[in-house]
Amino acid sequence: MITITSTEMDALWAGIDDQRTRTVDLLGKLTKQQWDHPSLCQGWTVRHVAAHLTLQQQRIRDVAAFIAHHPSMLRHPTLNRVIHESALIQSRLPTEEIIARIKATTGSRRHNAFVTPLETLTDILVHSQDIALPLHLKLEMSPAASATAATRRWDTRRSRLSMVFRRLPLDGYHLTATDTDWNRGDGPEVLGPIGALLLLLTGRTAALDQLAGEGAQTLRAASHKPA
């Protein structure tokens, strides 16, 4: 159980809205070929990731109604499979509708059942990079918002909330942000922008080239080893 003050909650939702606005602006400029480009999420295109971002306000009754309309989802009862299938289904919406639905969430404080707004913040920050990075597009993230999400991901890295992320062996490293006051862990240093560290904490190695230090060298070497 976490306690968030009203001031912290206001800042949290401001960070979510800020990144939603940036993401909507980016999506509105993409070509059809870019929408069909692979994202950082394995098996998902940019369209699939964007479609997933339309599903960030699902209460229990919303989930039940969605499944009732798409009972085939029950063939894949694990959380990750349900997330995957729901994104594929939602991606059938017209491009303009996907963008409009993400835009419509801005200003709202609804969030998915069974998680906190901190997970909503992580979703919009990280998934926006899942879209931008493979397209070689720069999409800014607020360092303060990224630090909040990074703290949440570090604190819950062994909880059920981490099961949706690829788990990288980060416990033996000292992660230090170079653009905000944030650091966690002990061991060889991994230095870099907080956004790049957040991607690392959510199982993504795409921003490893933005990181420096002895620990970053080790991580890069490990990521290039055959599976």
Protein backbone atom coordinates (compact mmCIF):
# COMPACT_ATOMS: atom_id res chain seq x y z
CA MET A 1 0.00 0.00 0.00
CA ILE A 2 1.39 3.39 -0.98
CA THR A 3 0.47 6.83 0.28
CA ILE A 4 0.46 9.74 -2.17
CA THR A 5 -0.27 13.28 -1.02
CA SER A 6 -2.69 15.46 -2.97
CA THR A 7 0.22 17.59 -4.22
CA GLU A 8 2.10 14.49 -5.39
CA MET A 9 -1.06 13.17 -7.05
CA ASP A 10 -1.55 16.44 -8.93
CA ALA A 11 2.05 16.27 -10.17
CA LEU A 12 1.61 12.61 -11.12
CA TRP A 13 -1.44 13.25 -13.28
CA ALA A 14 0.15 16.35 -14.77
CA GLY A 15 3.05 14.14 -15.87
CA ILE A 16 0.64 11.60 -17.38
CA ASP A 17 -1.27 14.30 -19.27
CA ASP A 18 1.97 15.89 -20.49
CA GLN A 19 3.20 12.63 -22.02
CA ARG A 20 -0.21 11.78 -23.44
CA THR A 21 -0.23 15.13 -25.24
CA ARG A 22 3.30 14.55 -26.60
CA THR A 23 2.32 11.05 -27.75
CA VAL A 24 -0.87 12.20 -29.47
CA ASP A 25 1.08 14.91 -31.29
CA LEU A 26 3.64 12.33 -32.45
CA LEU A 27 1.04 9.79 -33.57
CA GLY A 28 -0.77 12.45 -35.61
CA LYS A 29 2.36 13.00 -37.71
CA LEU A 30 3.12 9.37 -38.53
CA THR A 31 2.75 7.87 -41.99
CA LYS A 32 0.91 4.61 -42.66
CA GLN A 33 4.28 2.87 -43.03
CA GLN A 34 5.35 4.17 -39.61
CA TRP A 35 2.13 2.93 -38.01
CA ASP A 36 2.95 -0.53 -39.36
CA HIS A 37 6.59 -0.41 -38.20
CA PRO A 38 7.70 -2.85 -35.45
CA SER A 39 7.79 -1.28 -31.99
CA LEU A 40 10.09 -2.12 -29.09
CA CYS A 41 7.38 -4.49 -27.80
CA GLN A 42 8.03 -7.93 -29.27
CA GLY A 43 5.33 -8.88 -31.76
CA TRP A 44 3.69 -5.46 -31.68
CA THR A 45 3.71 -2.75 -34.32
CA VAL A 46 3.43 0.95 -33.52
CA ARG A 47 -0.31 0.58 -34.14
CA HIS A 48 -0.59 -2.19 -31.53
CA VAL A 49 1.19 -0.08 -28.90
CA ALA A 50 -0.99 2.93 -29.64
CA ALA A 51 -4.08 0.73 -29.48
CA HIS A 52 -2.94 -0.56 -26.07
CA LEU A 53 -2.76 3.04 -24.85
CA THR A 54 -6.50 3.42 -25.49
CA LEU A 55 -7.10 0.83 -22.76
CA GLN A 56 -5.72 2.67 -19.73
CA GLN A 57 -9.02 3.39 -17.97
CA GLN A 58 -10.52 -0.08 -17.69
CA ARG A 59 -12.54 -0.69 -14.55
CA ILE A 60 -13.77 -4.18 -13.72
CA ARG A 61 -17.07 -3.70 -15.56
CA ASP A 62 -15.22 -2.36 -18.61
CA VAL A 63 -12.98 -5.43 -18.69
CA ALA A 64 -16.01 -7.70 -18.33
CA ALA A 65 -17.81 -5.94 -21.19
CA PHE A 66 -14.71 -6.12 -23.40
CA ILE A 67 -14.33 -9.85 -22.79
CA ALA A 68 -18.07 -10.38 -23.40
CA HIS A 69 -17.67 -8.78 -26.83
CA HIS A 70 -14.47 -10.74 -27.49
CA PRO A 71 -14.81 -14.13 -25.72
CA SER A 72 -11.84 -15.54 -27.66
CA MET A 73 -9.62 -13.70 -25.15
CA LEU A 74 -10.55 -16.34 -22.57
CA ARG A 75 -8.43 -18.83 -24.51
CA HIS A 76 -5.38 -16.93 -23.20
CA PRO A 77 -6.06 -16.41 -19.47
CA THR A 78 -2.59 -15.19 -18.46
CA LEU A 79 -2.21 -11.45 -17.89
CA ASN A 80 0.38 -10.92 -20.62
CA ARG A 81 -1.67 -12.86 -23.16
CA VAL A 82 -4.82 -10.90 -22.31
CA ILE A 83 -2.89 -7.63 -22.69
CA HIS A 84 -1.51 -8.84 -26.03
CA GLU A 85 -4.86 -10.00 -27.39
CA SER A 86 -6.71 -6.86 -26.27
CA ALA A 87 -4.17 -4.67 -28.10
CA LEU A 88 -4.56 -6.72 -31.28
CA ILE A 89 -8.34 -6.38 -31.09
CA GLN A 90 -8.21 -2.65 -30.37
CA SER A 91 -5.75 -2.09 -33.22
CA ARG A 92 -8.57 -2.78 -35.69
CA LEU A 93 -9.92 0.70 -34.93
CA PRO A 94 -9.25 3.39 -37.55
CA THR A 95 -6.05 5.34 -36.98
CA GLU A 96 -7.94 8.57 -36.27
CA GLU A 97 -10.08 6.79 -33.68
CA ILE A 98 -7.04 5.42 -31.85
CA ILE A 99 -5.51 8.89 -31.66
CA ALA A 100 -8.82 10.43 -30.56
CA ARG A 101 -9.28 7.86 -27.78
CA ILE A 102 -5.82 8.50 -26.35
CA LYS A 103 -6.41 12.26 -26.54
CA ALA A 104 -9.75 11.87 -24.76
CA THR A 105 -8.02 10.35 -21.71
CA THR A 106 -6.06 13.57 -21.13
CA GLY A 107 -7.46 15.41 -18.14
CA SER A 108 -9.14 12.30 -16.74
CA ARG A 109 -7.97 10.61 -13.55
CA ARG A 110 -9.46 7.21 -14.27
CA HIS A 111 -7.01 4.33 -14.30
CA ASN A 112 -7.11 0.58 -14.76
CA ALA A 113 -8.46 -1.62 -12.01
CA PHE A 114 -5.96 -3.39 -9.71
CA VAL A 115 -3.15 -0.88 -10.36
CA THR A 116 -2.34 2.67 -9.26
CA PRO A 117 -1.85 5.86 -11.29
CA LEU A 118 1.88 5.16 -10.99
CA GLU A 119 1.40 2.26 -13.40
CA THR A 120 -0.53 4.56 -15.74
CA LEU A 121 2.43 6.94 -15.67
CA THR A 122 4.86 4.13 -16.49
CA ASP A 123 2.66 2.94 -19.35
CA ILE A 124 2.47 6.27 -21.15
CA LEU A 125 6.14 7.13 -20.61
CA VAL A 126 7.55 3.77 -21.67
CA HIS A 127 5.10 2.91 -24.43
CA SER A 128 5.60 6.32 -26.02
CA GLN A 129 9.29 5.40 -26.32
CA ASP A 130 8.35 1.95 -27.62
CA ILE A 131 6.82 3.89 -30.51
CA ALA A 132 9.38 6.65 -30.99
CA LEU A 133 12.73 4.88 -30.65
CA PRO A 134 12.33 2.28 -33.43
CA LEU A 135 11.23 5.10 -35.75
CA HIS A 136 14.36 7.09 -34.83
CA LEU A 137 12.16 9.92 -33.57
CA LYS A 138 12.94 11.94 -30.45
CA LEU A 139 10.11 12.16 -27.95
CA GLU A 140 10.93 14.07 -24.79
CA MET A 141 9.96 12.79 -21.34
CA SER A 142 9.83 14.87 -18.17
CA PRO A 143 12.79 13.92 -15.92
CA ALA A 144 10.62 14.43 -12.82
CA ALA A 145 7.86 12.15 -14.13
CA SER A 146 10.42 9.59 -15.29
CA ALA A 147 12.05 9.59 -11.84
CA THR A 148 8.68 8.95 -10.21
CA ALA A 149 8.04 6.02 -12.53
CA ALA A 150 11.60 4.69 -12.07
CA THR A 151 11.18 4.72 -8.29
CA ARG A 152 7.95 2.76 -8.59
CA ARG A 153 9.51 0.21 -10.91
CA TRP A 154 12.52 -0.24 -8.61
CA ASP A 155 10.35 -0.61 -5.50
CA THR A 156 8.03 -3.16 -7.16
CA ARG A 157 10.64 -5.09 -9.17
CA ARG A 158 9.94 -8.32 -7.24
CA SER A 159 6.17 -7.90 -6.97
CA ARG A 160 3.32 -9.04 -9.21
CA LEU A 161 3.48 -5.62 -10.89
CA SER A 162 6.80 -6.58 -12.47
CA MET A 163 5.45 -9.66 -14.23
CA VAL A 164 4.55 -7.66 -17.36
CA PHE A 165 8.19 -6.62 -17.85
CA ARG A 166 11.20 -8.56 -19.07
CA ARG A 167 13.37 -8.88 -15.98
CA LEU A 168 16.96 -7.68 -16.40
CA PRO A 169 19.56 -8.51 -13.70
CA LEU A 170 19.88 -5.00 -12.26
CA ASP A 171 20.22 -5.74 -8.53
CA GLY A 172 24.01 -5.81 -8.79
CA TYR A 173 24.31 -2.30 -10.25
CA HIS A 174 24.22 1.28 -9.02
CA LEU A 175 21.85 3.23 -11.26
CA THR A 176 22.41 7.01 -11.26
CA ALA A 177 20.50 9.60 -13.28
CA THR A 178 22.50 12.43 -14.83
CA ASP A 179 19.58 14.80 -15.42
CA THR A 180 17.75 14.59 -12.08
CA ASP A 181 18.44 13.60 -8.47
CA TRP A 182 17.81 9.83 -8.59
CA ASN A 183 19.90 6.76 -7.80
CA ARG A 184 19.29 3.22 -6.62
CA GLY A 185 21.23 0.02 -5.96
CA ASP A 186 24.82 -0.98 -5.23
CA GLY A 187 27.56 -2.18 -7.52
CA PRO A 188 29.14 -1.07 -10.80
CA GLU A 189 27.88 2.36 -11.92
CA VAL A 190 25.29 2.79 -14.65
CA LEU A 191 24.99 6.50 -15.48
CA GLY A 192 22.58 8.16 -17.86
CA PRO A 193 19.35 10.10 -18.41
CA ILE A 194 16.53 8.99 -16.14
CA GLY A 195 14.42 8.12 -19.19
CA ALA A 196 17.04 5.61 -20.34
CA LEU A 197 17.21 4.12 -16.84
CA LEU A 198 13.42 3.81 -16.77
CA LEU A 199 13.54 1.85 -20.01
CA LEU A 200 16.15 -0.43 -18.44
CA LEU A 201 13.94 -0.95 -15.38
CA THR A 202 11.09 -2.04 -17.65
CA GLY A 203 13.21 -4.60 -19.45
CA ARG A 204 14.21 -2.57 -22.50
CA THR A 205 17.80 -2.40 -23.71
CA ALA A 206 17.16 -0.02 -26.62
CA ALA A 207 18.62 2.99 -24.78
CA LEU A 208 21.79 1.26 -23.56
CA ASP A 209 23.84 3.46 -25.87
CA GLN A 210 22.75 6.47 -23.76
CA LEU A 211 24.28 4.96 -20.62
CA ALA A 212 27.87 5.15 -19.36
CA GLY A 213 29.95 3.62 -16.57
CA GLU A 214 31.43 0.21 -15.83
CA GLY A 215 28.01 -1.29 -15.25
CA ALA A 216 26.68 -0.02 -18.57
CA GLN A 217 29.59 -1.69 -20.37
CA THR A 218 28.78 -4.99 -18.69
CA LEU A 219 25.09 -4.70 -19.55
CA ARG A 220 25.87 -3.90 -23.17
CA ALA A 221 28.18 -6.91 -23.44
CA ALA A 222 25.55 -9.17 -21.85
CA SER A 223 22.80 -7.91 -24.19
CA HIS A 224 24.90 -8.87 -27.23
CA LYS A 225 25.46 -12.45 -26.10
CA PRO A 226 23.48 -15.15 -27.92
CA ALA A 227 20.37 -16.28 -26.04
